[in-house]
Amino acid sequence: MDKDYLEELEKHKIKKSAYTNVNLPSKHYFVFGKIFHFNSAKRLSAKNQKAKQVLVKLISNMGVKRLENSLNYMIKNSDNAFALNEKGEECGVKELMKDWSKIFSNRANAKEAWHLVFSLDEEYLSEKKQRAFINSVKDVMSSHFLGHKYAFVMHNHQAKPHIHIVVNKYNVLENKKIHFAKKSDIKYFFEALREDFAYALGARGLDYINRSPLEKNLQEATKKMKQMDRVLESDSQFGISQIFQNIQLSLHQKIMDKEKRIVALKLDYDTHKNERERLQALLEQYIIHNNKRRFALMKQMKIMRKEFKEKSALLLSEMKELRRLNNALEHSKKDLKTHTLNRIQSASYKRNFLKSYEKIYPNHKGASKKDIQNYYRVKNSLEQESKEYKKELFLYSTNYYFKHSFENANLFDLEKKTRRLNENIDILKSMDYFVKQESESYLNNLEKNLSYINHIYEKRFENLEKELLEKGNKNPFLMKEYIKGCEFLGVENQLKKAMINEAPKNTGARNLYEEIQKRYNKPVKNETKENSINSMERSF
């Protein structure tokens, strides 16, 4: 065998499929899971607070059946009727499954592939930005998944443009599957993916950065998030008009994407139809001349008839969806016109919007995250205005658009965030003089975030204490949360004191408290090794 080829192969084999400590320099610091150095401090300074956040996400760790379903979904919602593989070749689902099946382990319940998503925080991408996005993703994949087969498809059917990628976990160069020995390894791996993705986008003129939610300016982010809430309170007609316009823009984009897809499917359908007609004419000639090749051709045509039927059904389905989107857009325009002309009470504006939304997006089907956030925002505002809103402590955030403000977060979650911020602030303070000087504004921002989360923690603790002591709420989770808060803040447990005083009258309350405390103080078992990679990724 050629010596140069063997040397090249050995070089590739050195590359690891997973990010481990072997890859790290001898002296390094980790801040929020990323290697931190002088250039990191520059990039994360206050000047770059406006840079957008990259998103790289592991959707699922899949077996063969789920892999096929994912590929069907990816292609169904794209502008084309195919996916692109690692070589840039156009492939259908059947071609990919046939090719990949050669290197599947064929073991029961084996996880053979990953489903990844790369996303940008953009409403619309020009052709130039779209090329930059695709090439950036290709760079990251070639760097981190060398030797792996993969297929990708770009989607524009939701609020943010994103690329779906399915990766075969088997590495043909290393002759092994992706494997992580520790949770920290998968954390470093995905942080490295996001860092490289941000660098690749920056090199192509797109201003993106990899930041933890705790590295942002949390107070500013909360103010921005609540801006629409304030508009709804001060001028509900104007606020709901804005939301209607956002829905219409979203529907316009979906209609344009659907029309592109229908054009691509129609072209594929016509090509297939012409080929079928050509083969039909050829078959007739074979039959007339009693040619034996007619049998092989008849088998080929049988397969083509099945494929033609599938393509026809898909085209009809997409045309039906296009009609539905057009009807939804017309309905939205009509409701906006009625809304603009009417002069009614604020609550009526909100009720009319909610009815309109539920007609356009029944059970939120087809709605983007932004649309769903606005729906809950209006619903919440209506409940408060019409006094239907019951002020109570949530066990966790029910309306997920609040989640980044931490206002409905429980004390366990807030304590984790506080500890994480403290740990990273200590790491920054222990670095050498030059890095500390460069990261001064970044460090100040983290300290402000720590102060903000501490303020929310104290506020939550006060409300919790009132709920348990004054209102007599006996929810076990809230009691457990309160005990944790007392320990963290180093304050006297008033609930215990109150229950002990009431013990002769109410032995049941005291027993409940003791049971909660006993359960809380019970040592937690170590996590089993059977946790899936998917659940590990979500935990970060």
Foldseek 3Di string as FASTA:
>chain_A
DDPVVVVVLVVVLVDDLFFDPVPDDPDFDDAQLETDDQVNLQCLFPVLLVFAAKDKAWPDQADLVVVLVVQVVQCLQALANFWAKLVRDTDHSVRVSVVLVVPDPPDPPDRFKIKMKIWDPDQDDDPLLVVLLVVLLSVLCCNNVPQKMKIKGWHNLFRTIMMIMMIGQARNSNRGGDDDPDLSRNSNRVLVSRQSSQVSSVVSPRRYHHDDLLLHLLVVVLCVLCVLLVCLVPPVLVSLLVLLVVVLSSLVSNLVSLVSSLVNLVVVLVVLVVVLVVLVVVLVVCVVVVPPCNVVSVVVSVVSVVVSVVSVVSSVVSVVVSVLSVVLSVLSVVLNVVSVPDDDDSLVSLVSSLVSVCVSQPVNVSHHPVSLLVNVSSVVSSCVVVVVDDDDQDLADPRCSCVSSCLNPFLVVLVVSLVSLVVSLVSLVPDDDSSVVSNVSSSVSSVSSNVSSVVSNVVNLVRLCCCCPVVVDLPLSSLLSNVVSCVVVVHDDVNQVVCVVCCVVCVPSNVSSVVSVVVSPPDDDDDDPPDDPNVSSVVD
